[in-house]
Amino acid sequence: MVTKERASRPAGVEALDTRDLDDGIALTMLREISLTNTLFGGHAAVKYGLKKLLTEVHPNTGVTILDVGAGSGDVSLTACRFLGDRSNRPIALDHHRASARMCSTAGITPIVGDLRQLPVRAVSIDIAIVSMVLHHLPRPEAVALLAQLNAAVKIGVVVTDLRRSALAATGFNLVARMLRLNDVTRRDGVLSIRRGYTASELAEIVA
């Protein structure tokens, strides 16, 4: 039986989902994804989530961030700038060596590891950020990831992602061509949007 969600979320493997992606291509894609996070509101969404989580936390409390699926580390740096003096050195988890190199250069502690087997202990970090990651996962794996993180954090988890939309996929494709983004970045971006969850689907996963 094919569920409505499976029928509307196309199967497919994005280039960044593969561990054997050429490091040079990975570096280019991660830089371009950082740009699109700025242009299309990914960074703004993370800051909004952090603000909501920290409303009841003392302003002098230091905060440790785990950035899951960190890519270039742009989300970690956005979080650090938002937190200011409250920010401890963030930890960035990704399965690409290129990501680890970029994060290390940016002053972020990198961990190369599997999102499905998080190398974190229970209640060992303050906030986890899962930005533009869940659409890469089938629903059961997305639920399992958030369950692991929920057990590992002291304050909470910020989840941001792409909303599935044919119009958004078309718009991204046009803007990516105008910006002359790498063809692989453009294809991955369109597939990412098509594989995104609706707001109600994401709410069910989080619940």
Protein backbone atom coordinates (compact mmCIF):
# COMPACT_ATOMS: atom_id res chain seq x y z
CA MET A 1 0.00 0.00 0.00
CA VAL A 2 1.37 3.45 -0.96
CA THR A 3 0.58 6.15 1.59
CA LYS A 4 -0.34 9.66 0.47
CA GLU A 5 2.94 10.98 1.92
CA ARG A 6 5.07 8.44 0.04
CA ALA A 7 3.25 9.21 -3.18
CA SER A 8 3.85 12.97 -2.80
CA ARG A 9 7.46 12.75 -1.52
CA PRO A 10 9.51 11.40 -4.43
CA ALA A 11 12.19 8.80 -3.87
CA GLY A 12 15.68 9.85 -4.79
CA VAL A 13 19.21 10.15 -3.54
CA GLU A 14 20.75 13.60 -3.31
CA ALA A 15 24.45 13.96 -4.02
CA LEU A 16 25.15 15.16 -0.46
CA ASP A 17 23.47 12.04 0.93
CA THR A 18 26.29 9.90 -0.45
CA ARG A 19 29.49 9.39 1.53
CA ASP A 20 31.68 8.97 -1.57
CA LEU A 21 30.89 12.40 -3.05
CA ASP A 22 34.05 14.06 -4.38
CA ASP A 23 35.44 16.46 -1.75
CA GLY A 24 35.82 19.27 -4.26
CA ILE A 25 32.17 19.07 -5.32
CA ALA A 26 31.10 18.74 -1.67
CA LEU A 27 33.00 21.91 -0.71
CA THR A 28 31.39 23.85 -3.55
CA MET A 29 27.92 22.59 -2.68
CA LEU A 30 28.28 23.33 1.03
CA ARG A 31 29.36 26.91 0.30
CA GLU A 32 26.41 27.39 -2.05
CA ILE A 33 23.96 25.89 0.44
CA SER A 34 25.22 28.41 3.00
CA LEU A 35 24.30 31.16 0.53
CA THR A 36 20.83 29.75 -0.05
CA ASN A 37 20.28 29.46 3.73
CA THR A 38 20.87 33.20 3.92
CA LEU A 39 18.76 34.11 0.90
CA PHE A 40 15.78 31.87 1.58
CA GLY A 41 15.35 32.30 5.34
CA GLY A 42 17.10 29.25 6.76
CA HIS A 43 19.25 31.33 9.12
CA ALA A 44 16.31 33.50 10.14
CA ALA A 45 14.28 30.39 11.01
CA VAL A 46 17.08 29.08 13.24
CA LYS A 47 17.33 32.39 15.10
CA TYR A 48 13.55 32.42 15.59
CA GLY A 49 13.71 28.91 17.07
CA LEU A 50 16.56 29.81 19.40
CA LYS A 51 14.71 32.90 20.60
CA LYS A 52 11.63 30.80 21.43
CA LEU A 53 13.70 28.21 23.33
CA LEU A 54 15.66 30.74 25.37
CA THR A 55 12.75 32.85 26.64
CA GLU A 56 12.85 31.11 30.04
CA VAL A 57 16.63 30.60 30.28
CA HIS A 58 18.68 33.02 32.39
CA PRO A 59 20.46 35.50 30.07
CA ASN A 60 23.85 34.83 31.70
CA THR A 61 23.65 31.06 31.15
CA GLY A 62 26.22 29.63 28.74
CA VAL A 63 24.74 27.54 25.94
CA THR A 64 26.30 24.57 24.12
CA ILE A 65 25.00 23.93 20.59
CA LEU A 66 25.05 20.67 18.62
CA ASP A 67 24.49 21.36 14.92
CA VAL A 68 23.25 18.14 13.29
CA GLY A 69 23.98 17.85 9.57
CA ALA A 70 26.15 20.95 9.92
CA GLY A 71 27.41 21.30 6.35
CA SER A 72 29.73 24.30 6.12
CA GLY A 73 28.99 25.35 9.71
CA ASP A 74 27.00 28.40 8.62
CA VAL A 75 24.10 27.54 10.93
CA SER A 76 26.47 27.07 13.88
CA LEU A 77 28.02 30.48 13.20
CA THR A 78 24.57 32.05 12.88
CA ALA A 79 23.64 30.57 16.27
CA CYS A 80 26.87 31.84 17.84
CA ARG A 81 26.31 35.36 16.55
CA PHE A 82 22.73 35.27 17.84
CA LEU A 83 23.78 34.00 21.27
CA GLY A 84 26.75 36.35 21.61
CA ASP A 85 28.63 35.92 24.89
CA ARG A 86 26.25 33.13 25.92
CA SER A 87 27.62 30.82 23.23
CA ASN A 88 30.05 28.05 24.09
CA ARG A 89 32.08 26.51 21.25
CA PRO A 90 29.53 24.71 19.03
CA ILE A 91 29.80 21.09 17.96
CA ALA A 92 29.10 20.23 14.31
CA LEU A 93 28.07 16.73 13.25
CA ASP A 94 28.11 15.66 9.60
CA HIS A 95 29.13 12.60 7.60
CA HIS A 96 31.27 14.50 5.07
CA ARG A 97 35.00 15.06 5.60
CA ALA A 98 34.64 18.31 3.65
CA SER A 99 32.17 19.54 6.26
CA ALA A 100 34.60 18.71 9.08
CA ARG A 101 37.37 20.70 7.40
CA MET A 102 35.16 23.74 6.81
CA CYS A 103 33.81 23.71 10.37
CA SER A 104 37.25 23.31 11.91
CA THR A 105 38.53 26.29 9.89
CA ALA A 106 35.59 28.33 11.18
CA GLY A 107 36.43 27.50 14.82
CA ILE A 108 33.70 24.91 15.26
CA THR A 109 34.39 21.50 16.80
CA PRO A 110 33.68 18.93 14.03
CA ILE A 111 32.50 15.34 14.44
CA VAL A 112 32.32 13.03 11.42
CA GLY A 113 29.54 10.58 12.22
CA ASP A 114 26.21 9.02 11.34
CA LEU A 115 23.00 10.92 12.05
CA ARG A 116 21.34 7.59 12.81
CA GLN A 117 23.77 6.82 15.64
CA LEU A 118 24.47 10.09 17.39
CA PRO A 119 27.71 10.17 19.39
CA VAL A 120 26.15 12.11 22.29
CA ARG A 121 25.24 11.11 25.83
CA ALA A 122 21.89 11.76 27.49
CA VAL A 123 21.52 15.36 28.70
CA SER A 124 25.01 16.26 27.48
CA ILE A 125 24.25 19.39 25.42
CA ASP A 126 21.94 22.36 25.86
CA ILE A 127 20.39 22.84 22.41
CA ALA A 128 20.45 20.76 19.24
CA ILE A 129 19.78 22.33 15.85
CA VAL A 130 18.41 20.19 13.02
CA SER A 131 18.37 22.58 10.08
CA MET A 132 17.39 21.38 6.59
CA VAL A 133 18.05 17.76 7.55
CA LEU A 134 14.77 15.91 8.09
CA HIS A 135 13.73 15.97 4.43
CA HIS A 136 16.73 13.73 3.73
CA LEU A 137 15.20 11.04 5.96
CA PRO A 138 12.16 8.76 5.75
CA ARG A 139 9.60 9.48 8.47
CA PRO A 140 10.67 6.63 10.86
CA GLU A 141 14.31 7.75 10.74
CA ALA A 142 13.32 11.40 11.24
CA VAL A 143 11.30 10.42 14.33
CA ALA A 144 14.18 8.30 15.67
CA LEU A 145 16.67 11.16 15.20
CA LEU A 146 14.50 13.64 17.09
CA ALA A 147 13.91 11.09 19.86
CA GLN A 148 17.68 10.67 20.32
CA LEU A 149 18.18 14.41 20.42
CA ASN A 150 15.30 14.94 22.81
CA ALA A 151 17.08 12.64 25.27
CA ALA A 152 20.41 14.42 24.79
CA VAL A 153 19.43 18.06 25.34
CA LYS A 154 18.87 20.11 28.48
CA ILE A 155 16.89 22.95 26.89
CA GLY A 156 15.41 21.81 23.57
CA VAL A 157 15.74 21.12 19.85
CA VAL A 158 15.36 23.64 17.03
CA VAL A 159 13.93 22.01 13.90
CA THR A 160 13.76 23.89 10.60
CA ASP A 161 13.20 22.42 7.17
CA LEU A 162 11.92 22.86 3.64
CA ARG A 163 8.20 22.88 2.98
CA ARG A 164 7.20 20.77 -0.01
CA SER A 165 5.91 22.95 -2.83
CA ALA A 166 6.00 22.65 -6.60
CA LEU A 167 6.09 26.45 -6.88
CA ALA A 168 9.06 26.67 -4.49
CA ALA A 169 10.94 23.99 -6.44
CA THR A 170 10.41 25.89 -9.69
CA GLY A 171 11.40 29.18 -8.06
CA PHE A 172 14.58 27.71 -6.58
CA ASN A 173 15.57 26.27 -9.94
CA LEU A 174 15.21 29.67 -11.59
CA VAL A 175 17.11 31.54 -8.85
CA ALA A 176 19.86 28.89 -8.80
CA ARG A 177 20.36 29.40 -12.54
CA MET A 178 20.47 33.18 -12.08
CA LEU A 179 23.08 32.80 -9.32
CA ARG A 180 25.02 30.32 -11.49
CA LEU A 181 25.06 27.72 -8.77
CA ASN A 182 26.71 24.39 -9.49
CA ASP A 183 24.43 22.05 -11.48
CA VAL A 184 24.64 19.42 -8.71
CA THR A 185 23.62 22.00 -6.07
CA ARG A 186 20.69 23.04 -8.23
CA ARG A 187 19.50 19.47 -8.79
CA ASP A 188 19.89 18.62 -5.11
CA GLY A 189 18.00 21.76 -4.12
CA VAL A 190 15.03 21.01 -6.36
CA LEU A 191 14.90 17.40 -5.15
CA SER A 192 15.20 18.58 -1.53
CA ILE A 193 12.14 20.81 -1.86
CA ARG A 194 10.17 18.05 -3.59
CA ARG A 195 11.14 15.67 -0.76
CA GLY A 196 10.21 18.17 1.95
CA TYR A 197 7.38 17.65 4.40
CA THR A 198 4.21 19.70 4.67
CA ALA A 199 3.71 21.69 7.87
CA SER A 200 1.22 19.10 9.18
CA GLU A 201 3.54 16.17 8.34
CA LEU A 202 6.44 17.84 10.13
CA ALA A 203 4.25 18.59 13.15
CA GLU A 204 3.32 14.91 13.37
CA ILE A 205 6.98 13.86 13.20
CA VAL A 206 7.93 16.30 15.97
CA ALA A 207 4.99 15.19 18.11
